[in-house]
Amino acid sequence: MITFKKVKICFLLIFVIVNIFLISPCYSLSSREIFFKNALDLSSKGKFNLALQEWNRYLDNYPDDAAGLSNRGNVRLVVGDVEGSIDDQNKAIKLNPNEIDPYINRGISEEALGLWSQAKRDYMFVISKDNKNFSALYNLANVEGSTSQWQEARDLFSKAALYNPGFAMARSSMALADYQLENFDESEKELKKLIRRYPNFADARAALTALNWSRGETGMAESNWIAVNELDPRYSDEEWLIKVRRWPPKPTKDLMNFISLK
């Protein structure tokens, strides 16, 4: 999961500046602020190759801007330059060691390389500064799951959902961890709650499909799967499910058995 928290904060700042400009014609954005805003706009719109070019130009002029480095690092991760992303986050941390976003961003890049202990260290640092940081809690839970520590993962997903009640993926991940731990009733209860609140949430429907199938509830499994296929066909891809979405082994196996009618 990639975090653009810094981007959102910067957008808020720029929005305030633009409003001041509209009210007071004598005020104008500096060229540096405009440059930064352009790069942020491209990042937020998903135009990552163009955004990377803008961040490169911006940092050629302002090489000691920690926020610029961290944001470029996020974009470099998206375009596949994981080592470059880590390098940018390292520089941002060196320039501003008290800012927690680069630690989260570096952890995400470390996860992409399977550097679980390094990622865990970064997330733990963030949590030591802010124990309600749901992004760090969620990402740390993914690390624990990736190292088969499913009880620890389940507890961390629960905390992430507690501190951000609208974080549906954290709740679905908690339910999947319960599924892996064979807490089937708890898992089913949470998945049904999610589907009732978010009818188009493919992750919860796919998980319930697997659970239904494992219990011999064929009709219910088929019904949920029809919705999943319409919402997000990636759930039929076992490699994506394990490596990208990071599902636990048991629900993954049950879903693949359902798909192949085993």
Protein backbone atom coordinates (compact mmCIF):
# COMPACT_ATOMS: atom_id res chain seq x y z
CA MET A 1 0.00 0.00 0.00
CA ILE A 2 1.77 3.62 -1.12
CA THR A 3 1.02 6.65 1.13
CA PHE A 4 0.74 10.17 -0.22
CA LYS A 5 0.05 11.83 3.12
CA LYS A 6 2.64 14.47 2.42
CA VAL A 7 0.99 15.21 -0.90
CA LYS A 8 -2.36 15.75 0.80
CA ILE A 9 -0.86 18.10 3.39
CA CYS A 10 0.91 20.09 0.73
CA PHE A 11 -2.25 20.35 -1.34
CA LEU A 12 -4.05 21.83 1.65
CA LEU A 13 -1.29 24.40 2.07
CA ILE A 14 -1.40 25.34 -1.59
CA PHE A 15 -5.20 25.59 -1.52
CA VAL A 16 -4.92 28.14 1.29
CA ILE A 17 -2.28 30.09 -0.60
CA VAL A 18 -4.41 30.17 -3.76
CA ASN A 19 -7.40 31.48 -1.84
CA ILE A 20 -5.26 34.23 -0.34
CA PHE A 21 -4.19 35.15 -3.84
CA LEU A 22 -7.81 35.41 -4.99
CA ILE A 23 -8.68 37.66 -2.10
CA SER A 24 -5.53 39.78 -2.23
CA PRO A 25 -4.41 40.48 -5.83
CA CYS A 26 -1.14 41.92 -4.57
CA TYR A 27 -0.06 38.42 -3.41
CA SER A 28 1.35 35.90 -5.88
CA LEU A 29 2.72 32.41 -5.59
CA SER A 30 6.48 32.18 -5.76
CA SER A 31 8.00 30.31 -8.67
CA ARG A 32 9.15 27.63 -6.22
CA GLU A 33 5.61 27.07 -4.91
CA ILE A 34 4.24 26.89 -8.44
CA PHE A 35 6.96 24.40 -9.39
CA PHE A 36 6.13 22.25 -6.35
CA LYS A 37 2.40 22.44 -7.05
CA ASN A 38 2.84 21.34 -10.65
CA ALA A 39 4.74 18.24 -9.55
CA LEU A 40 2.10 17.47 -6.90
CA ASP A 41 -0.72 17.88 -9.42
CA LEU A 42 0.86 15.38 -11.78
CA SER A 43 1.49 12.92 -8.90
CA SER A 44 -2.06 13.11 -7.61
CA LYS A 45 -3.48 12.62 -11.12
CA GLY A 46 -1.46 9.45 -11.60
CA LYS A 47 0.71 10.89 -14.39
CA PHE A 48 3.76 9.37 -12.80
CA ASN A 49 6.28 9.59 -15.63
CA LEU A 50 5.55 13.27 -16.12
CA ALA A 51 5.51 13.79 -12.36
CA LEU A 52 8.94 12.20 -12.07
CA GLN A 53 10.30 14.62 -14.67
CA GLU A 54 8.85 17.56 -12.74
CA TRP A 55 10.22 16.34 -9.42
CA ASN A 56 13.64 15.88 -11.03
CA ARG A 57 13.58 19.46 -12.29
CA TYR A 58 12.33 20.76 -8.97
CA LEU A 59 15.05 18.97 -7.02
CA ASP A 60 17.73 20.13 -9.44
CA ASN A 61 16.85 23.61 -8.23
CA TYR A 62 16.02 22.80 -4.60
CA PRO A 63 18.04 19.68 -3.70
CA ASP A 64 17.56 20.07 0.06
CA ASP A 65 13.75 20.02 0.06
CA ALA A 66 12.83 17.00 2.21
CA ALA A 67 9.16 17.03 1.15
CA GLY A 68 10.14 17.12 -2.50
CA LEU A 69 12.53 14.21 -2.04
CA SER A 70 9.94 12.11 -0.22
CA ASN A 71 7.29 12.79 -2.84
CA ARG A 72 9.70 11.96 -5.66
CA GLY A 73 10.56 8.76 -3.80
CA ASN A 74 6.89 7.78 -3.84
CA VAL A 75 6.71 8.35 -7.58
CA ARG A 76 9.94 6.43 -8.18
CA LEU A 77 8.45 3.47 -6.35
CA VAL A 78 5.35 3.53 -8.56
CA VAL A 79 7.41 3.54 -11.76
CA GLY A 80 9.54 0.65 -10.52
CA ASP A 81 12.70 2.34 -9.26
CA VAL A 82 12.56 0.86 -5.76
CA GLU A 83 16.22 1.47 -4.89
CA GLY A 84 15.90 5.07 -6.08
CA SER A 85 12.80 5.46 -3.94
CA ILE A 86 14.67 4.28 -0.84
CA ASP A 87 17.55 6.63 -1.64
CA ASP A 88 15.15 9.60 -1.81
CA GLN A 89 13.50 8.66 1.48
CA ASN A 90 16.95 8.28 3.11
CA LYS A 91 17.85 11.79 2.01
CA ALA A 92 14.53 13.18 3.22
CA ILE A 93 15.03 11.54 6.63
CA LYS A 94 18.54 12.92 6.90
CA LEU A 95 17.26 16.43 6.16
CA ASN A 96 14.25 16.19 8.46
CA PRO A 97 14.58 13.22 10.86
CA ASN A 98 11.48 14.20 12.87
CA GLU A 99 9.07 13.96 9.92
CA ILE A 100 7.43 10.52 10.02
CA ASP A 101 6.09 10.26 6.45
CA PRO A 102 9.44 9.36 4.84
CA TYR A 103 9.83 6.48 7.31
CA ILE A 104 6.46 5.06 6.22
CA ASN A 105 7.32 5.61 2.57
CA ARG A 106 10.72 3.96 2.98
CA GLY A 107 9.10 1.01 4.72
CA ILE A 108 6.76 0.50 1.76
CA SER A 109 9.74 0.46 -0.61
CA GLU A 110 11.57 -1.98 1.66
CA GLU A 111 8.53 -4.24 1.62
CA ALA A 112 8.65 -4.21 -2.18
CA LEU A 113 12.14 -5.73 -1.92
CA GLY A 114 11.12 -8.21 0.78
CA LEU A 115 13.24 -6.41 3.38
CA TRP A 116 10.85 -7.27 6.18
CA SER A 117 13.06 -6.44 9.17
CA GLN A 118 14.02 -3.04 7.76
CA ALA A 119 10.40 -2.20 6.95
CA LYS A 120 9.31 -3.34 10.41
CA ARG A 121 11.92 -1.10 12.01
CA ASP A 122 10.66 1.93 10.10
CA TYR A 123 7.02 1.27 10.98
CA MET A 124 7.88 0.67 14.62
CA PHE A 125 9.72 4.00 14.70
CA VAL A 126 6.61 5.78 13.41
CA ILE A 127 4.39 3.99 15.94
CA SER A 128 6.79 4.98 18.74
CA LYS A 129 6.17 8.61 17.76
CA ASP A 130 2.46 8.21 17.04
CA ASN A 131 0.87 5.02 18.35
CA LYS A 132 -2.39 5.80 16.53
CA ASN A 133 -0.83 6.13 13.09
CA PHE A 134 -3.12 3.77 11.20
CA SER A 135 -0.94 3.71 8.07
CA ALA A 136 2.07 2.45 10.00
CA LEU A 137 -0.08 -0.04 11.94
CA TYR A 138 -1.61 -1.40 8.73
CA ASN A 139 1.72 -1.70 6.94
CA LEU A 140 3.34 -3.33 9.96
CA ALA A 141 0.45 -5.83 9.98
CA ASN A 142 1.23 -6.67 6.36
CA VAL A 143 4.86 -7.29 7.30
CA GLU A 144 3.81 -9.59 10.13
CA GLY A 145 1.53 -11.48 7.75
CA SER A 146 4.32 -11.77 5.20
CA THR A 147 6.42 -13.50 7.85
CA SER A 148 3.47 -15.77 8.84
CA GLN A 149 2.83 -14.04 12.18
CA TRP A 150 -0.93 -13.98 11.67
CA GLN A 151 -2.03 -13.35 15.26
CA GLU A 152 0.23 -10.30 15.44
CA ALA A 153 -1.02 -9.21 12.03
CA ARG A 154 -4.63 -9.62 13.09
CA ASP A 155 -4.15 -7.46 16.20
CA LEU A 156 -2.41 -4.72 14.20
CA PHE A 157 -5.10 -4.70 11.50
CA SER A 158 -7.64 -4.33 14.30
CA LYS A 159 -5.80 -1.32 15.71
CA ALA A 160 -5.52 0.29 12.28
CA ALA A 161 -9.29 -0.09 11.83
CA LEU A 162 -9.93 1.24 15.34
CA TYR A 163 -8.00 4.45 14.70
CA ASN A 164 -9.54 4.88 11.25
CA PRO A 165 -13.04 3.35 11.33
CA GLY A 166 -13.56 4.00 7.61
CA PHE A 167 -10.47 1.99 6.66
CA ALA A 168 -12.34 -0.87 5.01
CA MET A 169 -9.22 -2.68 3.78
CA ALA A 170 -7.88 -2.88 7.33
CA ARG A 171 -11.12 -4.47 8.50
CA SER A 172 -11.14 -6.90 5.57
CA SER A 173 -7.51 -7.81 6.27
CA MET A 174 -8.40 -8.41 9.92
CA ALA A 175 -11.20 -10.73 8.81
CA LEU A 176 -8.79 -12.58 6.50
CA ALA A 177 -6.31 -12.98 9.35
CA ASP A 178 -9.12 -14.41 11.48
CA TYR A 179 -9.91 -16.77 8.60
CA GLN A 180 -6.27 -17.92 8.57
CA LEU A 181 -6.38 -18.39 12.35
CA GLU A 182 -9.57 -20.47 11.93
CA ASN A 183 -11.71 -17.92 13.76
CA PHE A 184 -14.31 -18.55 11.08
CA ASP A 185 -17.37 -17.12 12.82
CA GLU A 186 -15.59 -13.85 13.64
CA SER A 187 -14.31 -13.62 10.08
CA GLU A 188 -17.74 -14.21 8.57
CA LYS A 189 -19.37 -11.67 10.86
CA GLU A 190 -16.90 -8.93 9.92
CA LEU A 191 -17.04 -9.69 6.19
CA LYS A 192 -20.84 -9.52 6.18
CA LYS A 193 -20.73 -6.20 8.03
CA LEU A 194 -18.35 -4.82 5.41
CA ILE A 195 -20.47 -6.01 2.51
CA ARG A 196 -23.60 -4.56 4.07
CA ARG A 197 -21.89 -1.19 4.43
CA TYR A 198 -19.83 -1.34 1.22
CA PRO A 199 -21.76 -3.53 -1.27
CA ASN A 200 -19.17 -2.96 -4.01
CA PHE A 201 -16.15 -3.86 -1.89
CA ALA A 202 -14.61 -6.72 -3.88
CA ASP A 203 -12.08 -7.81 -1.25
CA ALA A 204 -14.69 -8.68 1.35
CA ARG A 205 -16.91 -10.42 -1.21
CA ALA A 206 -13.98 -12.49 -2.49
CA ALA A 207 -13.05 -13.49 1.06
CA LEU A 208 -16.65 -14.46 1.82
CA THR A 209 -16.75 -16.46 -1.43
CA ALA A 210 -13.79 -18.51 -0.18
CA LEU A 211 -15.33 -18.95 3.27
CA ASN A 212 -18.71 -19.96 1.84
CA TRP A 213 -17.05 -22.52 -0.43
CA SER A 214 -14.99 -23.98 2.41
CA ARG A 215 -18.24 -24.55 4.33
CA GLY A 216 -20.01 -26.15 1.40
CA GLU A 217 -22.29 -23.13 0.85
CA THR A 218 -22.03 -23.33 -2.93
CA GLY A 219 -24.92 -21.05 -3.86
CA MET A 220 -23.78 -18.23 -1.59
CA ALA A 221 -20.23 -18.58 -2.88
CA GLU A 222 -21.41 -18.35 -6.48
CA SER A 223 -23.54 -15.30 -5.72
CA ASN A 224 -20.67 -13.39 -4.13
CA TRP A 225 -18.26 -14.41 -6.87
CA ILE A 226 -20.48 -13.01 -9.61
CA ALA A 227 -20.19 -9.62 -7.92
CA VAL A 228 -16.41 -9.97 -7.48
CA ASN A 229 -15.88 -10.71 -11.18
CA GLU A 230 -17.80 -7.59 -12.13
CA LEU A 231 -16.00 -5.42 -9.56
CA ASP A 232 -12.38 -6.61 -9.77
CA PRO A 233 -11.29 -9.62 -11.87
CA ARG A 234 -7.80 -9.63 -10.29
CA TYR A 235 -9.12 -11.84 -7.49
CA SER A 236 -8.93 -14.85 -9.81
CA ASP A 237 -5.13 -14.33 -10.09
CA GLU A 238 -3.43 -16.34 -7.34
CA GLU A 239 -0.06 -14.62 -7.78
CA TRP A 240 -1.62 -11.17 -7.46
CA LEU A 241 -3.64 -12.29 -4.45
CA ILE A 242 -0.54 -13.49 -2.57
CA LYS A 243 2.17 -11.09 -3.71
CA VAL A 244 0.25 -7.85 -4.20
CA ARG A 245 -2.92 -8.01 -2.12
CA ARG A 246 -1.09 -10.18 0.45
CA TRP A 247 -3.89 -12.57 1.37
CA PRO A 248 -3.14 -15.35 3.89
CA PRO A 249 -2.55 -18.90 2.55
CA LYS A 250 -5.78 -20.58 3.74
CA PRO A 251 -8.36 -18.19 2.21
CA THR A 252 -6.22 -18.01 -0.93
CA LYS A 253 -6.22 -21.78 -1.27
CA ASP A 254 -9.98 -21.97 -0.63
CA LEU A 255 -10.71 -19.31 -3.24
CA MET A 256 -8.53 -21.04 -5.83
CA ASN A 257 -10.28 -24.32 -5.04
CA PHE A 258 -13.62 -22.61 -5.61
CA ILE A 259 -12.48 -21.18 -8.95
CA SER A 260 -11.25 -24.59 -10.12
CA LEU A 261 -14.30 -26.31 -8.55
CA LYS A 262 -12.20 -28.57 -6.35
